[in-house]
Amino acid sequence: MGDLEIRPVVADDVPAIVGMLADDPLGAQRESPDDLTPYLTALERISADPNQCLVVAVREGRAVGTLQLTIVPGLSRRGASRSIIEGVRIHADERGSGLGTQLIEWAVDESRRQGCQLVQLTSDNTRTDAHRFYERLGFTASHTGFKLPL
């Protein structure tokens, strides 16, 4: 399996990450790997925000996974902070290798370290394999999510 490093994303990682974001039926419709400008602008904003943690999993010098962890302080639940896991992607060559589990476990551990009381994520209704994966890791489908495109 090789050594795995999970570290903050840098600009040189962006092409590989955008490639992973675009490598599925949903991502292929909404990502633009040929124009990295908006992604690099987003990386600057993310990197400047102390409540954001965009990471890449690197094995043998190659980006093989990514996710974004957002820490959200709140008043509910007695002033608890929560974390939100977004944009989880695993390179096609690594799916089924346990990398996804390692990334999610990293995010849960980091959430605990940051003092969060709850970890939450959303997953598109069509991603049934991902739903089973998250349930195996102890997540429960406890809420119905809503989105409003702007």
N, C-alpha and C. Protein backbone atom coordinates (compact mmCIF):
# COMPACT_ATOMS: atom_id res chain seq x y z
N MET A 1 0.82 -1.19 0.00
CA MET A 1 0.00 0.00 0.00
C MET A 1 0.86 1.25 0.00
N GLY A 2 2.05 1.22 0.54
CA GLY A 2 2.93 2.38 0.53
C GLY A 2 2.58 3.37 1.61
N ASP A 3 3.53 4.26 1.87
CA ASP A 3 3.31 5.28 2.88
C ASP A 3 2.31 6.31 2.37
N LEU A 4 1.47 6.78 3.25
CA LEU A 4 0.45 7.76 2.92
C LEU A 4 0.70 9.01 3.73
N GLU A 5 0.68 10.16 3.06
CA GLU A 5 0.79 11.45 3.74
C GLU A 5 -0.51 12.20 3.51
N ILE A 6 -1.10 12.73 4.57
CA ILE A 6 -2.26 13.61 4.46
C ILE A 6 -1.78 14.98 4.89
N ARG A 7 -1.88 15.95 3.96
CA ARG A 7 -1.33 17.27 4.21
C ARG A 7 -2.21 18.33 3.56
N PRO A 8 -2.02 19.60 3.96
CA PRO A 8 -2.78 20.67 3.30
C PRO A 8 -2.47 20.75 1.81
N VAL A 9 -3.47 21.11 1.05
CA VAL A 9 -3.33 21.26 -0.40
C VAL A 9 -2.50 22.51 -0.70
N VAL A 10 -1.64 22.39 -1.70
CA VAL A 10 -0.91 23.52 -2.27
C VAL A 10 -1.30 23.64 -3.74
N ALA A 11 -0.95 24.77 -4.34
CA ALA A 11 -1.38 25.05 -5.72
C ALA A 11 -0.98 23.94 -6.69
N ASP A 12 0.17 23.34 -6.50
CA ASP A 12 0.61 22.27 -7.41
C ASP A 12 -0.28 21.03 -7.36
N ASP A 13 -1.07 20.89 -6.29
CA ASP A 13 -1.98 19.74 -6.15
C ASP A 13 -3.29 19.94 -6.91
N VAL A 14 -3.60 21.19 -7.24
CA VAL A 14 -4.92 21.51 -7.77
C VAL A 14 -5.27 20.74 -9.04
N PRO A 15 -4.40 20.63 -10.04
CA PRO A 15 -4.81 19.87 -11.24
C PRO A 15 -5.23 18.43 -10.92
N ALA A 16 -4.50 17.75 -10.07
CA ALA A 16 -4.85 16.36 -9.72
C ALA A 16 -6.17 16.30 -8.95
N ILE A 17 -6.38 17.26 -8.06
CA ILE A 17 -7.62 17.26 -7.28
C ILE A 17 -8.81 17.55 -8.17
N VAL A 18 -8.68 18.53 -9.05
CA VAL A 18 -9.79 18.82 -9.97
C VAL A 18 -10.06 17.61 -10.86
N GLY A 19 -9.03 16.91 -11.25
CA GLY A 19 -9.23 15.68 -12.01
C GLY A 19 -10.05 14.66 -11.24
N MET A 20 -9.79 14.53 -9.94
CA MET A 20 -10.58 13.60 -9.12
C MET A 20 -12.01 14.09 -8.98
N LEU A 21 -12.19 15.41 -8.80
CA LEU A 21 -13.54 15.97 -8.68
C LEU A 21 -14.37 15.72 -9.94
N ALA A 22 -13.70 15.75 -11.09
CA ALA A 22 -14.40 15.59 -12.37
C ALA A 22 -14.59 14.13 -12.79
N ASP A 23 -13.98 13.20 -12.05
CA ASP A 23 -13.96 11.80 -12.46
C ASP A 23 -15.15 10.99 -11.94
N ASP A 24 -16.34 11.49 -12.17
CA ASP A 24 -17.55 10.72 -11.92
C ASP A 24 -18.69 11.42 -12.66
N PRO A 25 -19.84 10.77 -12.82
CA PRO A 25 -20.91 11.36 -13.62
C PRO A 25 -21.37 12.74 -13.13
N LEU A 26 -21.43 12.95 -11.82
CA LEU A 26 -21.86 14.26 -11.31
C LEU A 26 -20.77 15.30 -11.51
N GLY A 27 -19.55 14.96 -11.15
CA GLY A 27 -18.45 15.91 -11.28
C GLY A 27 -18.16 16.28 -12.72
N ALA A 28 -18.34 15.34 -13.63
CA ALA A 28 -18.08 15.61 -15.04
C ALA A 28 -18.98 16.73 -15.56
N GLN A 29 -20.16 16.89 -14.95
CA GLN A 29 -21.10 17.93 -15.37
C GLN A 29 -20.80 19.29 -14.78
N ARG A 30 -20.07 19.33 -13.65
CA ARG A 30 -19.92 20.62 -12.97
C ARG A 30 -18.49 21.10 -12.81
N GLU A 31 -17.52 20.30 -13.16
CA GLU A 31 -16.12 20.72 -13.02
C GLU A 31 -15.52 21.06 -14.38
N SER A 32 -14.48 21.90 -14.35
CA SER A 32 -13.83 22.36 -15.58
C SER A 32 -12.31 22.22 -15.45
N PRO A 33 -11.78 21.02 -15.63
CA PRO A 33 -10.35 20.80 -15.46
C PRO A 33 -9.47 21.62 -16.42
N ASP A 34 -10.04 22.13 -17.51
CA ASP A 34 -9.25 22.89 -18.47
C ASP A 34 -9.00 24.33 -18.02
N ASP A 35 -9.72 24.82 -17.03
CA ASP A 35 -9.53 26.19 -16.52
C ASP A 35 -9.36 26.12 -15.01
N LEU A 36 -8.12 26.16 -14.54
CA LEU A 36 -7.83 26.02 -13.11
C LEU A 36 -7.97 27.33 -12.34
N THR A 37 -8.17 28.45 -13.02
CA THR A 37 -8.21 29.75 -12.36
C THR A 37 -9.22 29.80 -11.20
N PRO A 38 -10.46 29.39 -11.39
CA PRO A 38 -11.39 29.49 -10.25
C PRO A 38 -11.01 28.58 -9.08
N TYR A 39 -10.38 27.47 -9.37
CA TYR A 39 -9.96 26.55 -8.32
C TYR A 39 -8.79 27.14 -7.52
N LEU A 40 -7.87 27.78 -8.21
CA LEU A 40 -6.74 28.40 -7.52
C LEU A 40 -7.19 29.59 -6.68
N THR A 41 -8.17 30.34 -7.17
CA THR A 41 -8.76 31.44 -6.40
C THR A 41 -9.44 30.89 -5.15
N ALA A 42 -10.18 29.80 -5.31
CA ALA A 42 -10.85 29.16 -4.17
C ALA A 42 -9.82 28.66 -3.16
N LEU A 43 -8.72 28.07 -3.64
CA LEU A 43 -7.68 27.59 -2.73
C LEU A 43 -7.12 28.73 -1.89
N GLU A 44 -6.93 29.89 -2.48
CA GLU A 44 -6.44 31.05 -1.72
C GLU A 44 -7.42 31.41 -0.60
N ARG A 45 -8.71 31.43 -0.91
CA ARG A 45 -9.73 31.75 0.10
C ARG A 45 -9.77 30.69 1.20
N ILE A 46 -9.72 29.45 0.80
CA ILE A 46 -9.76 28.35 1.77
C ILE A 46 -8.54 28.41 2.68
N SER A 47 -7.37 28.60 2.09
CA SER A 47 -6.12 28.62 2.86
C SER A 47 -6.07 29.77 3.85
N ALA A 48 -6.75 30.88 3.55
CA ALA A 48 -6.75 32.05 4.43
C ALA A 48 -7.75 31.93 5.58
N ASP A 49 -8.61 30.92 5.54
CA ASP A 49 -9.67 30.77 6.55
C ASP A 49 -9.25 29.72 7.57
N PRO A 50 -9.07 30.11 8.84
CA PRO A 50 -8.61 29.14 9.84
C PRO A 50 -9.62 28.03 10.15
N ASN A 51 -10.86 28.19 9.72
CA ASN A 51 -11.87 27.15 9.96
C ASN A 51 -11.98 26.17 8.80
N GLN A 52 -11.11 26.31 7.81
CA GLN A 52 -11.12 25.42 6.65
C GLN A 52 -9.84 24.60 6.62
N CYS A 53 -9.99 23.35 6.23
CA CYS A 53 -8.82 22.49 6.08
C CYS A 53 -9.05 21.63 4.84
N LEU A 54 -8.40 22.00 3.75
CA LEU A 54 -8.47 21.24 2.51
C LEU A 54 -7.20 20.40 2.45
N VAL A 55 -7.37 19.08 2.42
CA VAL A 55 -6.21 18.20 2.45
C VAL A 55 -6.16 17.31 1.22
N VAL A 56 -4.95 16.85 0.96
CA VAL A 56 -4.72 15.88 -0.11
C VAL A 56 -4.00 14.69 0.52
N ALA A 57 -4.37 13.52 0.07
CA ALA A 57 -3.65 12.29 0.46
C ALA A 57 -2.67 11.98 -0.65
N VAL A 58 -1.41 11.83 -0.28
CA VAL A 58 -0.34 11.61 -1.26
C VAL A 58 0.33 10.28 -0.96
N ARG A 59 0.46 9.48 -2.01
CA ARG A 59 1.16 8.20 -1.90
C ARG A 59 2.18 8.15 -3.03
N GLU A 60 3.43 7.90 -2.66
CA GLU A 60 4.51 7.81 -3.64
C GLU A 60 4.54 9.03 -4.56
N GLY A 61 4.35 10.21 -3.97
CA GLY A 61 4.42 11.46 -4.71
C GLY A 61 3.21 11.79 -5.55
N ARG A 62 2.16 11.03 -5.44
CA ARG A 62 0.97 11.20 -6.29
C ARG A 62 -0.26 11.48 -5.44
N ALA A 63 -1.04 12.50 -5.84
CA ALA A 63 -2.30 12.81 -5.15
C ALA A 63 -3.30 11.70 -5.42
N VAL A 64 -3.78 11.06 -4.34
CA VAL A 64 -4.69 9.92 -4.52
C VAL A 64 -6.03 10.11 -3.81
N GLY A 65 -6.17 11.19 -3.05
CA GLY A 65 -7.44 11.44 -2.38
C GLY A 65 -7.47 12.86 -1.85
N THR A 66 -8.67 13.33 -1.53
CA THR A 66 -8.83 14.68 -1.01
C THR A 66 -10.13 14.79 -0.23
N LEU A 67 -10.18 15.77 0.65
CA LEU A 67 -11.42 16.17 1.30
C LEU A 67 -11.23 17.54 1.90
N GLN A 68 -12.34 18.19 2.17
CA GLN A 68 -12.33 19.48 2.85
C GLN A 68 -13.07 19.32 4.17
N LEU A 69 -12.46 19.83 5.23
CA LEU A 69 -13.04 19.80 6.57
C LEU A 69 -13.27 21.24 7.01
N THR A 70 -14.50 21.54 7.37
CA THR A 70 -14.88 22.88 7.82
C THR A 70 -15.32 22.80 9.27
N ILE A 71 -14.77 23.66 10.11
CA ILE A 71 -15.16 23.74 11.52
C ILE A 71 -16.17 24.87 11.66
N VAL A 72 -17.33 24.56 12.24
CA VAL A 72 -18.40 25.54 12.37
C VAL A 72 -18.74 25.71 13.85
N PRO A 73 -18.34 26.85 14.44
CA PRO A 73 -18.76 27.12 15.81
C PRO A 73 -20.25 27.42 15.82
N GLY A 74 -20.92 27.06 16.90
CA GLY A 74 -22.36 27.30 16.95
C GLY A 74 -22.88 27.51 18.35
N LEU A 75 -24.13 27.94 18.44
CA LEU A 75 -24.80 28.11 19.72
C LEU A 75 -25.59 26.87 20.11
N SER A 76 -26.13 26.16 19.12
CA SER A 76 -26.94 24.99 19.45
C SER A 76 -26.06 23.90 20.07
N ARG A 77 -26.72 22.96 20.70
CA ARG A 77 -26.03 21.86 21.39
C ARG A 77 -25.07 22.40 22.44
N ARG A 78 -25.56 23.40 23.17
CA ARG A 78 -24.81 24.00 24.27
C ARG A 78 -23.51 24.66 23.81
N GLY A 79 -23.59 25.33 22.65
CA GLY A 79 -22.43 26.05 22.15
C GLY A 79 -21.39 25.16 21.47
N ALA A 80 -21.83 24.02 20.99
CA ALA A 80 -20.89 23.06 20.39
C ALA A 80 -20.44 23.49 19.00
N SER A 81 -19.21 23.16 18.71
CA SER A 81 -18.72 23.26 17.34
C SER A 81 -18.99 21.93 16.65
N ARG A 82 -19.17 22.01 15.35
CA ARG A 82 -19.33 20.80 14.54
C ARG A 82 -18.39 20.90 13.36
N SER A 83 -18.14 19.81 12.73
CA SER A 83 -17.34 19.85 11.51
C SER A 83 -18.20 19.30 10.37
N ILE A 84 -17.87 19.78 9.19
CA ILE A 84 -18.53 19.33 7.97
C ILE A 84 -17.46 18.78 7.04
N ILE A 85 -17.67 17.57 6.58
CA ILE A 85 -16.77 16.94 5.61
C ILE A 85 -17.40 17.12 4.24
N GLU A 86 -16.63 17.66 3.30
CA GLU A 86 -17.10 17.91 1.95
C GLU A 86 -16.07 17.44 0.94
N GLY A 87 -16.50 17.27 -0.29
CA GLY A 87 -15.60 17.05 -1.41
C GLY A 87 -14.68 15.85 -1.25
N VAL A 88 -15.20 14.77 -0.70
CA VAL A 88 -14.38 13.56 -0.55
C VAL A 88 -14.24 12.90 -1.91
N ARG A 89 -13.01 12.72 -2.33
CA ARG A 89 -12.75 12.03 -3.59
C ARG A 89 -11.54 11.14 -3.43
N ILE A 90 -11.64 9.97 -4.03
CA ILE A 90 -10.55 8.99 -4.05
C ILE A 90 -10.23 8.70 -5.51
N HIS A 91 -8.95 8.71 -5.85
CA HIS A 91 -8.54 8.41 -7.22
C HIS A 91 -9.05 7.02 -7.60
N ALA A 92 -9.48 6.87 -8.83
CA ALA A 92 -10.06 5.60 -9.30
C ALA A 92 -9.14 4.42 -9.01
N ASP A 93 -7.82 4.61 -9.13
CA ASP A 93 -6.87 3.51 -8.90
C ASP A 93 -6.83 3.08 -7.44
N GLU A 94 -7.32 3.91 -6.54
CA GLU A 94 -7.21 3.65 -5.10
C GLU A 94 -8.53 3.21 -4.46
N ARG A 95 -9.61 3.27 -5.21
CA ARG A 95 -10.91 2.90 -4.63
C ARG A 95 -10.89 1.45 -4.19
N GLY A 96 -11.40 1.20 -3.00
CA GLY A 96 -11.40 -0.14 -2.44
C GLY A 96 -10.13 -0.49 -1.69
N SER A 97 -9.19 0.43 -1.61
CA SER A 97 -7.90 0.16 -0.96
C SER A 97 -7.89 0.46 0.53
N GLY A 98 -8.97 1.10 1.02
CA GLY A 98 -8.99 1.53 2.42
C GLY A 98 -8.62 2.99 2.59
N LEU A 99 -8.23 3.64 1.50
CA LEU A 99 -7.85 5.04 1.58
C LEU A 99 -9.00 5.93 2.03
N GLY A 100 -10.20 5.68 1.52
CA GLY A 100 -11.35 6.48 1.93
C GLY A 100 -11.58 6.40 3.43
N THR A 101 -11.45 5.21 3.97
CA THR A 101 -11.59 5.03 5.42
C THR A 101 -10.52 5.83 6.16
N GLN A 102 -9.27 5.76 5.68
CA GLN A 102 -8.20 6.51 6.32
C GLN A 102 -8.46 8.02 6.30
N LEU A 103 -8.95 8.52 5.17
CA LEU A 103 -9.23 9.95 5.07
C LEU A 103 -10.35 10.38 6.02
N ILE A 104 -11.42 9.60 6.05
CA ILE A 104 -12.53 9.95 6.94
C ILE A 104 -12.10 9.83 8.40
N GLU A 105 -11.35 8.80 8.73
CA GLU A 105 -10.85 8.68 10.12
C GLU A 105 -9.95 9.85 10.47
N TRP A 106 -9.14 10.32 9.53
CA TRP A 106 -8.31 11.50 9.76
C TRP A 106 -9.21 12.70 10.08
N ALA A 107 -10.27 12.88 9.28
CA ALA A 107 -11.18 14.02 9.47
C ALA A 107 -11.90 13.94 10.81
N VAL A 108 -12.31 12.77 11.22
CA VAL A 108 -12.98 12.60 12.52
C VAL A 108 -11.99 12.90 13.64
N ASP A 109 -10.79 12.38 13.53
CA ASP A 109 -9.77 12.65 14.56
C ASP A 109 -9.45 14.14 14.64
N GLU A 110 -9.31 14.80 13.49
CA GLU A 110 -9.03 16.24 13.47
C GLU A 110 -10.21 17.02 14.06
N SER A 111 -11.41 16.56 13.80
CA SER A 111 -12.60 17.20 14.38
C SER A 111 -12.58 17.12 15.90
N ARG A 112 -12.23 15.96 16.41
CA ARG A 112 -12.10 15.80 17.87
C ARG A 112 -11.02 16.74 18.41
N ARG A 113 -9.89 16.78 17.72
CA ARG A 113 -8.77 17.62 18.14
C ARG A 113 -9.19 19.10 18.17
N GLN A 114 -10.07 19.48 17.27
CA GLN A 114 -10.56 20.86 17.20
C GLN A 114 -11.70 21.13 18.19
N GLY A 115 -12.09 20.11 18.96
CA GLY A 115 -13.12 20.28 19.97
C GLY A 115 -14.55 20.16 19.47
N CYS A 116 -14.72 19.58 18.30
CA CYS A 116 -16.07 19.42 17.74
C CYS A 116 -16.85 18.35 18.50
N GLN A 117 -18.15 18.54 18.59
CA GLN A 117 -19.04 17.58 19.23
C GLN A 117 -19.78 16.70 18.22
N LEU A 118 -19.69 17.07 16.94
CA LEU A 118 -20.46 16.39 15.90
C LEU A 118 -19.72 16.53 14.58
N VAL A 119 -19.73 15.47 13.79
CA VAL A 119 -19.21 15.50 12.43
C VAL A 119 -20.38 15.22 11.51
N GLN A 120 -20.54 16.04 10.49
CA GLN A 120 -21.63 15.81 9.55
C GLN A 120 -21.12 15.90 8.12
N LEU A 121 -21.87 15.31 7.21
CA LEU A 121 -21.55 15.38 5.80
C LEU A 121 -22.83 15.17 5.02
N THR A 122 -22.79 15.58 3.77
CA THR A 122 -23.90 15.28 2.87
C THR A 122 -23.35 14.47 1.71
N SER A 123 -24.22 13.74 1.07
CA SER A 123 -23.85 12.94 -0.08
C SER A 123 -25.03 12.95 -1.04
N ASP A 124 -24.77 13.16 -2.30
CA ASP A 124 -25.83 13.20 -3.30
C ASP A 124 -26.67 11.93 -3.22
N ASN A 125 -27.97 12.08 -3.42
CA ASN A 125 -28.89 10.93 -3.34
C ASN A 125 -28.50 9.79 -4.27
N THR A 126 -27.83 10.10 -5.37
CA THR A 126 -27.48 9.05 -6.34
C THR A 126 -26.25 8.25 -5.94
N ARG A 127 -25.52 8.69 -4.94
CA ARG A 127 -24.26 8.02 -4.56
C ARG A 127 -24.52 6.92 -3.51
N THR A 128 -25.23 5.89 -3.91
CA THR A 128 -25.62 4.85 -2.96
C THR A 128 -24.42 4.09 -2.41
N ASP A 129 -23.39 3.88 -3.22
CA ASP A 129 -22.19 3.21 -2.70
C ASP A 129 -21.54 4.06 -1.60
N ALA A 130 -21.49 5.37 -1.81
CA ALA A 130 -20.93 6.26 -0.79
C ALA A 130 -21.76 6.21 0.49
N HIS A 131 -23.09 6.12 0.35
CA HIS A 131 -23.95 6.05 1.54
C HIS A 131 -23.62 4.81 2.37
N ARG A 132 -23.47 3.68 1.70
CA ARG A 132 -23.11 2.44 2.42
C ARG A 132 -21.75 2.59 3.09
N PHE A 133 -20.80 3.22 2.40
CA PHE A 133 -19.47 3.46 2.95
C PHE A 133 -19.56 4.28 4.24
N TYR A 134 -20.28 5.39 4.21
CA TYR A 134 -20.39 6.25 5.39
C TYR A 134 -21.11 5.53 6.54
N GLU A 135 -22.12 4.75 6.21
CA GLU A 135 -22.82 4.00 7.25
C GLU A 135 -21.89 2.97 7.90
N ARG A 136 -21.03 2.32 7.11
CA ARG A 136 -20.06 1.37 7.67
C ARG A 136 -19.12 2.06 8.65
N LEU A 137 -18.88 3.36 8.44
CA LEU A 137 -17.98 4.11 9.32
C LEU A 137 -18.71 4.71 10.52
N GLY A 138 -20.00 4.41 10.66
CA GLY A 138 -20.75 4.85 11.84
C GLY A 138 -21.63 6.07 11.64
N PHE A 139 -21.64 6.65 10.45
CA PHE A 139 -22.52 7.78 10.18
C PHE A 139 -23.94 7.27 10.00
N THR A 140 -24.92 8.07 10.40
CA THR A 140 -26.32 7.71 10.20
C THR A 140 -27.00 8.77 9.34
N ALA A 141 -27.91 8.31 8.51
CA ALA A 141 -28.68 9.21 7.65
C ALA A 141 -29.83 9.78 8.49
N SER A 142 -29.51 10.77 9.33
CA SER A 142 -30.46 11.25 10.33
C SER A 142 -31.27 12.47 9.90
N HIS A 143 -30.88 13.12 8.82
CA HIS A 143 -31.55 14.35 8.40
C HIS A 143 -31.81 14.32 6.90
N THR A 144 -32.70 15.17 6.46
CA THR A 144 -32.93 15.41 5.05
C THR A 144 -32.29 16.75 4.71
N GLY A 145 -31.45 16.79 3.70
CA GLY A 145 -30.77 18.02 3.33
C GLY A 145 -31.48 18.73 2.18
N PHE A 146 -31.30 20.03 2.14
CA PHE A 146 -31.89 20.85 1.08
C PHE A 146 -30.82 21.77 0.53
N LYS A 147 -30.88 22.06 -0.77
CA LYS A 147 -29.95 22.98 -1.40
C LYS A 147 -30.74 23.94 -2.29
N LEU A 148 -30.20 25.13 -2.42
CA LEU A 148 -30.79 26.14 -3.30
C LEU A 148 -29.68 26.70 -4.17
N PRO A 149 -29.65 26.34 -5.44
CA PRO A 149 -28.60 26.89 -6.32
C PRO A 149 -28.76 28.41 -6.45
N LEU A 150 -27.65 29.12 -6.42
CA LEU A 150 -27.68 30.58 -6.55
C LEU A 150 -26.97 31.01 -7.82
